[in-house]
């Protein structure tokens, strides 16, 4: 019979106690002190999560926002305006009318972002709509650049500003990476950066894509511009006046849209132009040095729907409210009170507006206009011009 080894038994117990103490201490450090010394020796492999057949990294939202903000902010600029000084009459209840001065001071009015290291910056057209004003852009590190050239896209609320990088020798401009807006999903996480309220530079807000393919009317008659924008992105990321022209980014820090408008009287409803629109315009601009011209007929109109047409015993179509002097419409013989019922045999109704058909044409194209005038049908021919 084998003799019991008491010494080995004691050594085994001691080893077990040491291992047990080691595990308890490790658990305490990991859970309470948040220090895992094993991770220092054997770092853990990054876990992947399989979602819908696609491997995606488990992301910490807070770190994503911080990383994107740090990466993108040097490429986001504030757009500042300086209007010429002019004398105006001001009324005071104590002193009556007296002469005052307006303008002459710089004011932050919008946002933009760098798209090339040689000094091209994208913003909204309405941000730089005042042709009599001068503009500057200010980077995150407070370097100021005079805007040397402004190119406005007649088809979209977009503009490209040109600055001279040599205004600050030794400083290299950083361009933002443009993403792809063709595969966006509702619920996708987004980040917006901009000069909120024209006062708080480089404000970072977050949210999700709330809707796609929206149609909105951007601007205000009081601000001097109104424009119909189709197929825009809706987001609940906080977008305020002053954010216009800033980037809407995905979690990889790529631009997926350019912030353009906020719904008045609503909360957390903002809109952005899809980045693919910007990429297309930017590509054509780099090739030719200008944006593609927008076709122009030269009428202001109101669409007559089916019910209105029946009630007034007139056809459906575009009721002409105004004909622009010297326009292709005037040269073709279009008059106020005409109803344009067809363009190139395409009926005009609530599903097919005049602007949609004209937008599909090019300057120089000849179009056939079917007109209803005082109970008679006419056919006119117009050659489309270029919108300014």
Protein backbone atom coordinates (compact mmCIF):
# COMPACT_ATOMS: atom_id res chain seq x y z
CA UNK A 1 0.00 0.00 0.00
CA UNK A 2 1.35 3.44 -1.13
CA UNK A 3 2.33 5.67 1.73
CA UNK A 4 0.36 8.96 2.15
CA UNK A 5 2.59 11.95 1.23
CA UNK A 6 1.56 14.57 3.76
CA UNK A 7 4.15 17.09 2.50
CA UNK A 8 2.79 17.00 -1.09
CA UNK A 9 -0.74 17.34 0.26
CA UNK A 10 0.16 20.54 2.12
CA UNK A 11 2.00 21.97 -0.92
CA UNK A 12 -1.08 21.26 -3.09
CA UNK A 13 -3.37 23.09 -0.67
CA UNK A 14 -1.02 26.10 -0.58
CA UNK A 15 -0.87 26.26 -4.41
CA UNK A 16 -4.66 26.10 -4.56
CA UNK A 17 -4.98 28.95 -2.06
CA UNK A 18 -2.53 31.07 -4.09
CA UNK A 19 -4.46 30.48 -7.33
CA UNK A 20 -7.77 31.19 -5.60
CA UNK A 21 -6.39 34.43 -4.12
CA UNK A 22 -5.05 35.42 -7.55
CA UNK A 23 -8.49 34.96 -9.16
CA UNK A 24 -10.30 36.86 -6.38
CA UNK A 25 -7.81 39.75 -6.61
CA UNK A 26 -8.13 39.87 -10.42
CA UNK A 27 -11.93 39.94 -10.23
CA UNK A 28 -11.81 42.75 -7.65
CA UNK A 29 -9.46 44.86 -9.78
CA UNK A 30 -11.50 44.27 -12.93
CA UNK A 31 -14.96 44.97 -11.47
CA UNK A 32 -14.26 47.58 -8.80
CA UNK A 33 -11.05 49.37 -9.84
CA UNK A 34 -11.66 48.80 -13.57
CA UNK A 35 -8.08 47.60 -14.05
CA UNK A 36 -7.47 44.29 -15.76
CA UNK A 37 -3.78 43.36 -15.58
CA UNK A 38 -4.41 40.33 -17.81
CA UNK A 39 -5.42 42.69 -20.62
CA UNK A 40 -1.99 44.31 -20.26
CA UNK A 41 -0.31 40.94 -20.72
CA UNK A 42 -2.75 39.33 -23.19
CA UNK A 43 -4.86 42.01 -24.93
CA UNK A 44 -8.29 40.83 -25.95
CA UNK A 45 -9.19 40.52 -29.62
CA UNK A 46 -11.80 43.00 -30.87
CA UNK A 47 -15.18 41.34 -30.99
CA UNK A 48 -17.30 41.41 -34.10
CA UNK A 49 -21.08 41.33 -34.18
CA UNK A 50 -22.88 39.58 -37.02
CA UNK A 51 -25.92 41.63 -38.08
CA UNK A 52 -27.89 40.75 -41.22
CA UNK A 53 -24.98 38.85 -42.68
CA UNK A 54 -22.58 41.78 -42.26
CA UNK A 55 -19.74 41.86 -39.74
CA UNK A 56 -19.84 45.12 -37.80
CA UNK A 57 -17.63 46.29 -34.97
CA UNK A 58 -19.32 46.82 -31.66
CA UNK A 59 -19.10 50.60 -31.43
CA UNK A 60 -19.21 52.78 -28.39
CA UNK A 61 -21.39 55.76 -29.40
CA UNK A 62 -19.53 58.21 -27.23
CA UNK A 63 -16.12 57.33 -28.65
CA UNK A 64 -17.50 57.43 -32.21
CA UNK A 65 -18.77 60.98 -31.76
CA UNK A 66 -15.49 62.10 -30.20
CA UNK A 67 -13.43 60.48 -32.97
CA UNK A 68 -15.57 61.94 -35.77
CA UNK A 69 -15.61 65.42 -34.20
CA UNK A 70 -11.83 65.42 -33.78
CA UNK A 71 -11.30 64.13 -37.31
CA UNK A 72 -13.79 66.39 -39.11
CA UNK A 73 -13.70 69.68 -37.19
CA UNK A 74 -10.42 70.96 -38.72
CA UNK A 75 -12.15 70.73 -42.13
CA UNK A 76 -15.33 72.58 -41.06
CA UNK A 77 -15.29 76.37 -41.43
CA UNK A 78 -17.47 79.26 -40.34
CA UNK A 79 -18.65 81.59 -43.12
CA UNK A 80 -18.61 85.27 -42.19
CA UNK A 81 -20.23 88.16 -44.11
CA UNK A 82 -19.39 91.85 -44.28
CA UNK A 83 -21.97 94.08 -45.97
CA UNK A 84 -21.14 97.57 -47.24
CA UNK A 85 -21.91 100.44 -44.90
CA UNK A 86 -24.99 102.44 -45.80
CA UNK A 87 -26.80 105.35 -44.22
CA UNK A 88 -30.37 104.71 -43.10
CA UNK A 89 -33.09 106.63 -41.29
CA UNK A 90 -33.79 105.30 -37.81
CA UNK A 91 -36.81 106.19 -35.70
CA UNK A 92 -36.60 106.78 -31.95
CA UNK A 93 -39.71 107.49 -29.83
CA UNK A 94 -37.66 110.15 -27.98
CA UNK A 95 -35.72 111.80 -30.79
CA UNK A 96 -37.85 110.99 -33.87
CA UNK A 97 -36.11 110.22 -37.14
CA UNK A 98 -32.35 110.48 -37.31
CA UNK A 99 -29.63 109.19 -39.56
CA UNK A 100 -27.88 105.93 -38.70
CA UNK A 101 -25.46 103.49 -40.28
CA UNK A 102 -26.01 99.84 -41.13
CA UNK A 103 -23.50 97.25 -42.27
CA UNK A 104 -19.73 97.37 -42.23
CA UNK A 105 -19.37 94.80 -39.46
CA UNK A 106 -18.47 91.16 -39.86
CA UNK A 107 -21.02 88.58 -38.80
CA UNK A 108 -20.99 84.78 -38.75
CA UNK A 109 -23.88 83.58 -40.91
CA UNK A 110 -23.24 79.98 -41.90
CA UNK A 111 -20.98 76.98 -42.21
CA UNK A 112 -18.96 75.26 -44.92
CA UNK A 113 -16.45 72.46 -45.27
CA UNK A 114 -13.21 71.97 -47.17
CA UNK A 115 -13.37 69.55 -50.12
CA UNK A 116 -9.89 70.04 -51.60
CA UNK A 117 -6.50 71.03 -50.24
CA UNK A 118 -6.17 73.77 -52.89
CA UNK A 119 -8.93 75.78 -51.23
CA UNK A 120 -12.36 74.68 -52.47
CA UNK A 121 -15.12 74.93 -49.86
CA UNK A 122 -18.75 73.78 -50.16
CA UNK A 123 -21.61 75.67 -48.53
CA UNK A 124 -25.24 76.57 -49.28
CA UNK A 125 -26.04 79.04 -52.04
CA UNK A 126 -28.32 80.99 -49.70
CA UNK A 127 -25.47 81.49 -47.22
CA UNK A 128 -23.56 83.55 -49.83
CA UNK A 129 -26.53 84.99 -51.73
CA UNK A 130 -25.61 88.67 -51.24
CA UNK A 131 -23.54 89.61 -54.30
CA UNK A 132 -22.66 93.04 -52.83
CA UNK A 133 -21.13 91.59 -49.66
CA UNK A 134 -17.65 90.24 -49.01
CA UNK A 135 -17.08 86.92 -47.27
CA UNK A 136 -14.47 85.23 -45.13
CA UNK A 137 -14.09 81.70 -43.82
CA UNK A 138 -12.67 80.96 -40.39
CA UNK A 139 -11.15 77.59 -39.51
CA UNK A 140 -11.31 75.88 -36.15
CA UNK A 141 -7.92 77.30 -35.17
CA UNK A 142 -9.26 80.83 -35.92
CA UNK A 143 -7.29 81.34 -39.12
CA UNK A 144 -9.18 83.67 -41.49
CA UNK A 145 -9.22 83.38 -45.29
CA UNK A 146 -10.72 85.90 -47.71
CA UNK A 147 -13.16 84.30 -50.16
CA UNK A 148 -11.64 85.04 -53.58
CA UNK A 149 -14.37 83.56 -55.75
CA UNK A 150 -17.97 82.36 -55.34
CA UNK A 151 -19.61 79.92 -57.74
CA UNK A 152 -23.33 79.34 -57.18
CA UNK A 153 -25.11 76.23 -58.47
CA UNK A 154 -28.30 77.36 -60.25
CA UNK A 155 -29.89 73.91 -59.91
CA UNK A 156 -29.33 73.33 -56.19
CA UNK A 157 -28.86 75.30 -53.00
CA UNK A 158 -25.10 74.81 -53.29
CA UNK A 159 -22.12 77.09 -53.73
CA UNK A 160 -18.37 76.55 -54.01
CA UNK A 161 -16.06 79.10 -52.41
CA UNK A 162 -12.42 79.52 -53.43
CA UNK A 163 -9.82 80.61 -50.88
CA UNK A 164 -6.05 80.92 -51.15
CA UNK A 165 -4.23 78.49 -48.83
CA UNK A 166 -1.13 80.71 -49.07
CA UNK A 167 -2.93 83.31 -46.92
CA UNK A 168 -1.43 81.30 -44.06
CA UNK A 169 1.92 79.84 -45.21
CA UNK A 170 2.80 76.53 -43.65
CA UNK A 171 -0.84 75.65 -42.93
CA UNK A 172 -2.22 72.69 -44.84
CA UNK A 173 -5.95 72.56 -45.50
CA UNK A 174 -7.61 69.23 -44.70
CA UNK A 175 -10.37 68.00 -47.02
CA UNK A 176 -13.32 66.01 -45.69
CA UNK A 177 -13.97 62.61 -47.22
CA UNK A 178 -17.20 62.49 -49.23
CA UNK A 179 -19.26 59.35 -48.62
CA UNK A 180 -22.12 57.76 -50.57
CA UNK A 181 -25.76 58.76 -50.04
CA UNK A 182 -27.25 56.07 -52.29
CA UNK A 183 -27.39 53.43 -49.53
CA UNK A 184 -28.59 55.45 -46.55
CA UNK A 185 -31.06 53.84 -44.14
CA UNK A 186 -33.69 55.36 -41.88
CA UNK A 187 -32.40 55.05 -38.32
CA UNK A 188 -28.76 55.41 -39.35
CA UNK A 189 -26.62 57.34 -36.85
CA UNK A 190 -25.48 60.81 -38.00
CA UNK A 191 -23.42 63.72 -36.67
CA UNK A 192 -23.77 67.39 -37.62
CA UNK A 193 -21.14 70.10 -37.14
CA UNK A 194 -21.76 73.81 -37.66
CA UNK A 195 -21.92 77.38 -36.36
CA UNK A 196 -25.22 77.15 -34.52
CA UNK A 197 -27.30 80.36 -34.52
CA UNK A 198 -24.41 82.14 -36.25
CA UNK A 199 -22.74 82.38 -32.84
CA UNK A 200 -21.54 79.03 -31.49
CA UNK A 201 -18.80 77.77 -33.79
CA UNK A 202 -18.13 74.04 -34.24
CA UNK A 203 -21.24 72.91 -32.40
CA UNK A 204 -21.55 69.11 -32.57
CA UNK A 205 -24.99 67.47 -32.51
CA UNK A 206 -26.05 63.87 -33.04
CA UNK A 207 -29.14 62.00 -34.15
CA UNK A 208 -30.42 59.59 -36.75
CA UNK A 209 -31.76 59.75 -40.28
CA UNK A 210 -35.49 60.25 -39.71
CA UNK A 211 -36.62 60.06 -43.33
CA UNK A 212 -35.41 59.90 -46.92
CA UNK A 213 -36.69 61.30 -50.22
CA UNK A 214 -38.35 64.31 -48.62
CA UNK A 215 -39.40 67.37 -50.63
CA UNK A 216 -39.17 70.80 -48.99
CA UNK A 217 -39.30 74.50 -49.80
CA UNK A 218 -36.13 76.05 -48.40
CA UNK A 219 -35.61 79.71 -47.61
CA UNK A 220 -37.96 82.61 -47.14
CA UNK A 221 -39.24 85.44 -49.29
CA UNK A 222 -38.03 87.74 -46.51
CA UNK A 223 -34.49 86.36 -46.87
CA UNK A 224 -34.56 86.91 -50.61
CA UNK A 225 -34.72 83.34 -51.85
CA UNK A 226 -37.16 80.45 -52.04
CA UNK A 227 -36.19 77.14 -53.59
CA UNK A 228 -37.83 73.77 -53.98
CA UNK A 229 -35.52 70.92 -52.93
CA UNK A 230 -36.43 67.31 -53.63
CA UNK A 231 -35.06 64.02 -52.34
CA UNK A 232 -33.48 65.55 -49.23
CA UNK A 233 -32.49 63.76 -46.03
CA UNK A 234 -34.53 64.38 -42.88
CA UNK A 235 -32.70 64.13 -39.57
CA UNK A 236 -33.42 64.74 -35.90
CA UNK A 237 -29.85 65.93 -35.25
CA UNK A 238 -30.22 69.50 -34.01
CA UNK A 239 -29.76 71.87 -36.96
CA UNK A 240 -30.20 75.59 -36.31
CA UNK A 241 -29.81 78.75 -38.39
CA UNK A 242 -26.07 79.07 -38.91
CA UNK A 243 -25.66 75.32 -39.42
CA UNK A 244 -26.55 75.81 -43.09
CA UNK A 245 -23.75 74.58 -45.34
CA UNK A 246 -22.21 72.34 -42.70
CA UNK A 247 -21.61 68.61 -43.10
CA UNK A 248 -23.89 65.78 -42.01
CA UNK A 249 -21.53 62.90 -41.24
CA UNK A 250 -21.81 59.16 -40.76
CA UNK A 251 -20.04 57.23 -37.98
CA UNK A 252 -16.97 56.83 -40.20
CA UNK A 253 -16.58 60.61 -40.48
CA UNK A 254 -17.65 60.72 -44.13
CA UNK A 255 -19.93 63.48 -45.44
CA UNK A 256 -23.33 62.05 -46.41
CA UNK A 257 -25.18 65.36 -46.72
CA UNK A 258 -24.96 69.14 -46.49
CA UNK A 259 -27.24 70.70 -43.88
CA UNK A 260 -29.63 73.08 -45.58
CA UNK A 261 -32.78 73.85 -43.61
CA UNK A 262 -34.80 73.39 -40.45
CA UNK A 263 -38.58 73.06 -40.26
CA UNK A 264 -39.96 76.22 -38.70
CA UNK A 265 -42.24 75.70 -35.71
CA UNK A 266 -41.07 72.11 -35.24
CA UNK A 267 -38.56 70.39 -33.01
CA UNK A 268 -35.77 68.09 -34.20
CA UNK A 269 -36.70 68.24 -37.89
CA UNK A 270 -33.77 69.26 -40.06
CA UNK A 271 -32.88 68.58 -43.68
CA UNK A 272 -29.73 67.93 -45.70
CA UNK A 273 -28.94 67.68 -49.41
CA UNK A 274 -27.58 64.18 -50.22
CA UNK A 275 -23.81 64.15 -50.77
CA UNK A 276 -24.13 62.46 -54.18
CA UNK A 277 -25.75 65.66 -55.47
CA UNK A 278 -22.72 67.58 -54.21
CA UNK A 279 -20.28 65.08 -55.72
CA UNK A 280 -21.96 65.33 -59.12
CA UNK A 281 -21.96 69.14 -59.09
CA UNK A 282 -18.38 69.26 -57.77
CA UNK A 283 -17.16 66.86 -60.45
CA UNK A 284 -18.69 68.97 -63.24
CA UNK A 285 -17.35 72.15 -61.66
CA UNK A 286 -13.78 70.79 -61.53
CA UNK A 287 -14.02 69.78 -65.20
CA UNK A 288 -15.37 73.05 -66.58
CA UNK A 289 -14.78 75.65 -63.87
CA UNK A 290 -18.50 76.31 -63.59
CA UNK A 291 -21.75 74.61 -62.68
CA UNK A 292 -24.04 73.15 -65.34
CA UNK A 293 -26.47 75.80 -66.55
CA UNK A 294 -30.10 75.51 -65.45
CA UNK A 295 -32.75 75.67 -68.19
CA UNK A 296 -35.03 78.70 -68.06
CA UNK A 297 -38.47 79.31 -69.59
CA UNK A 298 -39.40 82.53 -67.80
CA UNK A 299 -42.88 82.21 -66.34
CA UNK A 300 -44.27 82.40 -62.84
CA UNK A 301 -47.23 80.09 -62.58
CA UNK A 302 -49.73 78.31 -60.38
CA UNK A 303 -50.76 74.72 -61.04
CA UNK A 304 -54.48 74.12 -61.64
CA UNK A 305 -55.61 70.80 -60.20
CA UNK A 306 -58.43 68.59 -61.42
CA UNK A 307 -61.08 69.87 -59.00
CA UNK A 308 -60.26 73.53 -59.69
CA UNK A 309 -60.28 72.88 -63.44
CA UNK A 310 -63.76 71.29 -63.31
CA UNK A 311 -65.20 74.06 -61.14
CA UNK A 312 -63.93 76.79 -63.49
CA UNK A 313 -64.47 74.89 -66.75
CA UNK A 314 -60.79 75.16 -67.76
CA UNK A 315 -58.16 72.49 -68.47
CA UNK A 316 -55.56 71.33 -65.96
CA UNK A 317 -52.13 72.84 -66.33
CA UNK A 318 -49.87 75.75 -65.35
CA UNK A 319 -51.76 79.03 -65.06
CA UNK A 320 -49.36 81.82 -66.07
CA UNK A 321 -49.24 84.58 -63.44
CA UNK A 322 -46.24 86.45 -64.84
CA UNK A 323 -44.06 86.36 -67.96
CA UNK A 324 -40.47 87.52 -67.41
CA UNK A 325 -39.48 90.34 -69.73
CA UNK A 326 -37.07 89.22 -72.46
CA UNK A 327 -37.46 85.56 -71.49
CA UNK A 328 -37.88 82.60 -73.88
CA UNK A 329 -41.55 82.46 -72.85
CA UNK A 330 -42.13 86.09 -73.88
CA UNK A 331 -40.31 85.56 -77.19
CA UNK A 332 -42.46 82.50 -77.87
CA UNK A 333 -45.66 84.53 -77.34
CA UNK A 334 -46.78 83.22 -73.91
CA UNK A 335 -49.07 85.70 -72.12
CA UNK A 336 -50.41 86.24 -68.62
CA UNK A 337 -53.64 84.23 -67.99
CA UNK A 338 -52.55 81.52 -70.45
CA UNK A 339 -52.78 77.93 -69.25
CA UNK A 340 -49.90 75.72 -70.39
CA UNK A 341 -51.45 72.27 -70.68
CA UNK A 342 -48.59 70.30 -72.26
CA UNK A 343 -44.86 70.53 -72.83
CA UNK A 344 -43.59 68.24 -75.60
CA UNK A 345 -46.87 66.28 -75.39
CA UNK A 346 -46.42 65.72 -71.63
CA UNK A 347 -49.54 66.75 -69.73
CA UNK A 348 -49.13 69.18 -66.84
CA UNK A 349 -51.06 68.19 -63.73
CA UNK A 350 -50.56 67.72 -60.00
CA UNK A 351 -48.19 64.79 -60.64
CA UNK A 352 -46.21 66.50 -63.39
CA UNK A 353 -45.46 70.17 -62.70
CA UNK A 354 -43.98 72.56 -65.24
CA UNK A 355 -40.74 72.98 -63.26
CA UNK A 356 -40.15 69.20 -63.20
CA UNK A 357 -40.40 68.93 -66.98
CA UNK A 358 -38.25 72.00 -67.64
CA UNK A 359 -35.62 70.72 -65.18
CA UNK A 360 -35.21 67.58 -67.32
CA UNK A 361 -34.19 69.74 -70.31
CA UNK A 362 -31.01 71.65 -71.18
CA UNK A 363 -30.47 75.29 -72.13
CA UNK A 364 -30.87 75.60 -75.89
CA UNK A 365 -33.48 72.82 -76.13
CA UNK A 366 -36.59 73.65 -78.15
CA UNK A 367 -39.86 72.76 -76.46
CA UNK A 368 -43.42 72.62 -77.78
CA UNK A 369 -45.99 74.40 -75.59
CA UNK A 370 -49.71 73.59 -75.79
CA UNK A 371 -51.57 76.68 -74.62
CA UNK A 372 -55.22 77.24 -73.64
CA UNK A 373 -56.15 80.91 -74.13
CA UNK A 374 -59.67 82.30 -73.92
CA UNK A 375 -61.24 78.98 -74.82
CA UNK A 376 -58.91 78.28 -77.73
CA UNK A 377 -55.97 75.89 -78.05
CA UNK A 378 -52.64 77.16 -79.40
CA UNK A 379 -49.25 75.60 -79.98
CA UNK A 380 -46.11 77.66 -79.42
CA UNK A 381 -42.42 76.84 -79.68
CA UNK A 382 -39.81 78.15 -77.20
CA UNK A 383 -36.04 77.80 -77.00
CA UNK A 384 -34.97 77.44 -73.35
CA UNK A 385 -32.41 79.88 -72.00
CA UNK A 386 -30.02 79.75 -69.03
CA UNK A 387 -31.07 80.66 -65.51
CA UNK A 388 -28.85 83.25 -63.86
